[in-house]
Amino acid sequence: MTKIRSWEVSDALWERVKPLIPVVPKRNPEKGYKRKVGGGRKPMEARKVFEGIVYVLRTGCQWKALPKERFGSASSIHAYFLQ
C-alpha cells in the first residue's frame, strides 16, 4: 500500500468531492468577447486546485508559500478557493 501525505487527495476522496467542485463556465457563443478564443490562461485541473487548497489548510502555510512546482500559481489556487 502506498503511503499518502496528509494533503494528497486519494482517489476515493476525490470521487466524493468532485461533484461539489464548481464547473468552469463555457463561453457564451452569443456574447461578444474582447479576447479571441483560446486567449488568456487555461483553467487549472480541478483536482490539482483542490489538492493545493487542502495543502494550505493542512500545513497552515501562506498562499504564496505553496510549492509552485507542484501546484502552479498560488494566486490562481487562492482565487479558486475564494470562489
N, C-alpha and C. Protein backbone atom coordinates (compact mmCIF):
# COMPACT_ATOMS: atom_id res chain seq x y z
N MET A 1 0.84 -1.18 0.00
CA MET A 1 0.00 0.00 0.00
C MET A 1 0.89 1.25 0.00
N THR A 2 0.57 2.21 -0.84
CA THR A 2 1.33 3.43 -0.95
C THR A 2 0.91 4.41 0.15
N LYS A 3 1.93 5.00 0.79
CA LYS A 3 1.63 5.97 1.85
C LYS A 3 1.22 7.29 1.19
N ILE A 4 0.15 7.87 1.68
CA ILE A 4 -0.36 9.13 1.13
C ILE A 4 -0.08 10.25 2.15
N ARG A 5 0.40 11.37 1.65
CA ARG A 5 0.67 12.52 2.53
C ARG A 5 -0.66 13.14 2.96
N SER A 6 -0.64 13.88 4.05
CA SER A 6 -1.88 14.41 4.62
C SER A 6 -2.59 15.39 3.70
N TRP A 7 -1.89 16.00 2.74
CA TRP A 7 -2.54 16.96 1.85
C TRP A 7 -2.88 16.34 0.50
N GLU A 8 -2.40 15.14 0.22
CA GLU A 8 -2.72 14.49 -1.05
C GLU A 8 -4.15 13.96 -1.01
N VAL A 9 -4.80 14.05 -2.12
CA VAL A 9 -6.20 13.64 -2.21
C VAL A 9 -6.25 12.24 -2.81
N SER A 10 -6.77 11.30 -2.05
CA SER A 10 -6.89 9.93 -2.55
C SER A 10 -7.97 9.88 -3.63
N ASP A 11 -7.94 8.81 -4.42
CA ASP A 11 -8.95 8.64 -5.46
C ASP A 11 -10.35 8.55 -4.86
N ALA A 12 -10.46 7.87 -3.72
CA ALA A 12 -11.77 7.71 -3.06
C ALA A 12 -12.31 9.06 -2.60
N LEU A 13 -11.45 9.88 -1.97
CA LEU A 13 -11.89 11.21 -1.53
C LEU A 13 -12.25 12.07 -2.73
N TRP A 14 -11.44 12.02 -3.78
CA TRP A 14 -11.71 12.85 -4.97
C TRP A 14 -13.07 12.50 -5.57
N GLU A 15 -13.43 11.24 -5.63
CA GLU A 15 -14.73 10.84 -6.17
C GLU A 15 -15.88 11.39 -5.34
N ARG A 16 -15.68 11.54 -4.03
CA ARG A 16 -16.72 12.10 -3.17
C ARG A 16 -16.82 13.61 -3.30
N VAL A 17 -15.67 14.28 -3.51
CA VAL A 17 -15.61 15.74 -3.53
C VAL A 17 -15.89 16.31 -4.93
N LYS A 18 -15.54 15.58 -5.95
CA LYS A 18 -15.63 16.05 -7.34
C LYS A 18 -16.97 16.69 -7.71
N PRO A 19 -18.12 16.11 -7.32
CA PRO A 19 -19.40 16.73 -7.67
C PRO A 19 -19.63 18.09 -7.00
N LEU A 20 -18.90 18.40 -5.95
CA LEU A 20 -19.08 19.66 -5.22
C LEU A 20 -18.25 20.81 -5.79
N ILE A 21 -17.30 20.50 -6.69
CA ILE A 21 -16.40 21.49 -7.25
C ILE A 21 -17.13 22.25 -8.37
N PRO A 22 -17.11 23.58 -8.36
CA PRO A 22 -17.78 24.34 -9.42
C PRO A 22 -17.15 24.07 -10.78
N VAL A 23 -17.97 23.99 -11.79
CA VAL A 23 -17.51 23.77 -13.15
C VAL A 23 -17.14 25.12 -13.76
N VAL A 24 -16.03 25.14 -14.49
CA VAL A 24 -15.61 26.37 -15.17
C VAL A 24 -16.63 26.66 -16.27
N PRO A 25 -17.23 27.86 -16.28
CA PRO A 25 -18.24 28.17 -17.28
C PRO A 25 -17.65 28.22 -18.69
N LYS A 26 -18.42 27.76 -19.66
CA LYS A 26 -18.01 27.80 -21.06
C LYS A 26 -18.34 29.17 -21.64
N ARG A 27 -17.72 29.50 -22.75
CA ARG A 27 -18.00 30.77 -23.42
C ARG A 27 -19.41 30.77 -24.00
N ASN A 28 -20.06 31.90 -23.90
CA ASN A 28 -21.38 32.07 -24.48
C ASN A 28 -21.19 32.48 -25.94
N PRO A 29 -21.63 31.65 -26.89
CA PRO A 29 -21.40 31.97 -28.30
C PRO A 29 -22.14 33.22 -28.78
N GLU A 30 -23.15 33.66 -28.02
CA GLU A 30 -23.92 34.84 -28.43
C GLU A 30 -23.35 36.14 -27.88
N LYS A 31 -22.37 36.04 -27.00
CA LYS A 31 -21.79 37.22 -26.38
C LYS A 31 -20.53 37.64 -27.15
N GLY A 32 -20.30 38.95 -27.24
CA GLY A 32 -19.09 39.46 -27.88
C GLY A 32 -17.97 39.58 -26.87
N TYR A 33 -16.85 38.96 -27.14
CA TYR A 33 -15.71 38.98 -26.23
C TYR A 33 -14.60 39.83 -26.83
N LYS A 34 -13.80 40.45 -25.96
CA LYS A 34 -12.68 41.25 -26.42
C LYS A 34 -11.49 40.37 -26.80
N ARG A 35 -11.31 39.27 -26.07
CA ARG A 35 -10.21 38.35 -26.37
C ARG A 35 -10.66 37.30 -27.37
N LYS A 36 -9.71 36.85 -28.17
CA LYS A 36 -10.04 35.79 -29.12
C LYS A 36 -10.15 34.45 -28.39
N VAL A 37 -10.77 33.50 -29.03
CA VAL A 37 -10.94 32.17 -28.45
C VAL A 37 -9.56 31.59 -28.17
N GLY A 38 -9.39 31.04 -27.00
CA GLY A 38 -8.11 30.46 -26.62
C GLY A 38 -7.17 31.44 -25.97
N GLY A 39 -7.56 32.72 -25.86
CA GLY A 39 -6.71 33.72 -25.21
C GLY A 39 -6.78 33.60 -23.70
N GLY A 40 -5.77 34.09 -23.03
CA GLY A 40 -5.74 34.06 -21.57
C GLY A 40 -5.22 32.74 -21.03
N ARG A 41 -5.25 32.62 -19.71
CA ARG A 41 -4.78 31.40 -19.07
C ARG A 41 -5.79 30.28 -19.22
N LYS A 42 -5.28 29.09 -19.34
CA LYS A 42 -6.14 27.91 -19.38
C LYS A 42 -6.59 27.59 -17.95
N PRO A 43 -7.80 27.07 -17.78
CA PRO A 43 -8.25 26.71 -16.44
C PRO A 43 -7.36 25.62 -15.85
N MET A 44 -7.16 25.67 -14.55
CA MET A 44 -6.34 24.65 -13.88
C MET A 44 -7.17 23.39 -13.67
N GLU A 45 -6.47 22.27 -13.57
CA GLU A 45 -7.13 21.00 -13.31
C GLU A 45 -7.76 21.05 -11.91
N ALA A 46 -9.03 20.69 -11.81
CA ALA A 46 -9.79 20.83 -10.56
C ALA A 46 -9.16 20.04 -9.41
N ARG A 47 -8.66 18.86 -9.69
CA ARG A 47 -8.08 18.05 -8.62
C ARG A 47 -6.80 18.70 -8.08
N LYS A 48 -6.00 19.28 -8.96
CA LYS A 48 -4.77 19.96 -8.53
C LYS A 48 -5.12 21.18 -7.67
N VAL A 49 -6.15 21.91 -8.05
CA VAL A 49 -6.59 23.07 -7.27
C VAL A 49 -7.05 22.62 -5.89
N PHE A 50 -7.86 21.58 -5.86
CA PHE A 50 -8.37 21.08 -4.58
C PHE A 50 -7.22 20.60 -3.69
N GLU A 51 -6.25 19.92 -4.28
CA GLU A 51 -5.09 19.46 -3.52
C GLU A 51 -4.29 20.64 -2.96
N GLY A 52 -4.17 21.71 -3.73
CA GLY A 52 -3.48 22.91 -3.26
C GLY A 52 -4.20 23.55 -2.09
N ILE A 53 -5.51 23.59 -2.16
CA ILE A 53 -6.31 24.15 -1.07
C ILE A 53 -6.15 23.30 0.19
N VAL A 54 -6.22 21.98 0.03
CA VAL A 54 -6.04 21.08 1.16
C VAL A 54 -4.64 21.24 1.75
N TYR A 55 -3.64 21.43 0.88
CA TYR A 55 -2.26 21.63 1.35
C TYR A 55 -2.17 22.84 2.28
N VAL A 56 -2.76 23.96 1.87
CA VAL A 56 -2.73 25.17 2.70
C VAL A 56 -3.47 24.94 4.01
N LEU A 57 -4.62 24.30 3.95
CA LEU A 57 -5.41 24.07 5.15
C LEU A 57 -4.73 23.09 6.12
N ARG A 58 -4.06 22.08 5.59
CA ARG A 58 -3.41 21.08 6.44
C ARG A 58 -2.08 21.56 7.01
N THR A 59 -1.29 22.31 6.20
CA THR A 59 0.03 22.72 6.66
C THR A 59 0.02 24.07 7.36
N GLY A 60 -0.97 24.90 7.05
CA GLY A 60 -1.04 26.23 7.64
C GLY A 60 -0.10 27.23 6.98
N CYS A 61 0.45 26.87 5.82
CA CYS A 61 1.36 27.79 5.14
C CYS A 61 0.57 28.94 4.49
N GLN A 62 1.27 29.99 4.12
CA GLN A 62 0.64 31.10 3.43
C GLN A 62 0.37 30.68 1.98
N TRP A 63 -0.61 31.33 1.36
CA TRP A 63 -0.95 31.01 -0.03
C TRP A 63 0.27 31.17 -0.94
N LYS A 64 1.02 32.23 -0.74
CA LYS A 64 2.20 32.49 -1.59
C LYS A 64 3.32 31.47 -1.37
N ALA A 65 3.24 30.69 -0.28
CA ALA A 65 4.28 29.69 0.02
C ALA A 65 3.96 28.33 -0.59
N LEU A 66 2.86 28.21 -1.33
CA LEU A 66 2.54 26.94 -2.00
C LEU A 66 3.67 26.58 -2.95
N PRO A 67 4.10 25.32 -2.96
CA PRO A 67 5.17 24.92 -3.89
C PRO A 67 4.70 25.06 -5.34
N LYS A 68 5.31 25.98 -6.07
CA LYS A 68 4.91 26.27 -7.45
C LYS A 68 5.12 25.06 -8.36
N GLU A 69 6.19 24.29 -8.10
CA GLU A 69 6.48 23.12 -8.93
C GLU A 69 5.36 22.09 -8.87
N ARG A 70 4.70 22.03 -7.74
CA ARG A 70 3.65 21.00 -7.54
C ARG A 70 2.25 21.50 -7.89
N PHE A 71 1.96 22.75 -7.53
CA PHE A 71 0.59 23.25 -7.66
C PHE A 71 0.40 24.34 -8.71
N GLY A 72 1.46 24.93 -9.19
CA GLY A 72 1.32 26.03 -10.14
C GLY A 72 1.13 27.35 -9.42
N SER A 73 0.37 28.23 -10.01
CA SER A 73 0.19 29.59 -9.50
C SER A 73 -0.60 29.60 -8.18
N ALA A 74 0.05 30.10 -7.12
CA ALA A 74 -0.61 30.19 -5.82
C ALA A 74 -1.79 31.15 -5.85
N SER A 75 -1.64 32.25 -6.60
CA SER A 75 -2.73 33.23 -6.65
C SER A 75 -3.95 32.66 -7.37
N SER A 76 -3.73 31.81 -8.36
CA SER A 76 -4.85 31.16 -9.05
C SER A 76 -5.58 30.21 -8.11
N ILE A 77 -4.82 29.43 -7.36
CA ILE A 77 -5.45 28.49 -6.43
C ILE A 77 -6.22 29.27 -5.36
N HIS A 78 -5.66 30.36 -4.89
CA HIS A 78 -6.36 31.18 -3.91
C HIS A 78 -7.64 31.76 -4.49
N ALA A 79 -7.61 32.17 -5.75
CA ALA A 79 -8.82 32.70 -6.40
C ALA A 79 -9.90 31.62 -6.48
N TYR A 80 -9.52 30.39 -6.81
CA TYR A 80 -10.49 29.28 -6.83
C TYR A 80 -11.04 29.07 -5.43
N PHE A 81 -10.18 29.15 -4.41
CA PHE A 81 -10.61 28.99 -3.02
C PHE A 81 -11.67 30.04 -2.65
N LEU A 82 -11.45 31.28 -3.08
CA LEU A 82 -12.40 32.35 -2.78
C LEU A 82 -13.74 32.13 -3.47
N GLN A 83 -13.73 31.48 -4.61
CA GLN A 83 -14.99 31.18 -5.30
C GLN A 83 -15.80 30.20 -4.48
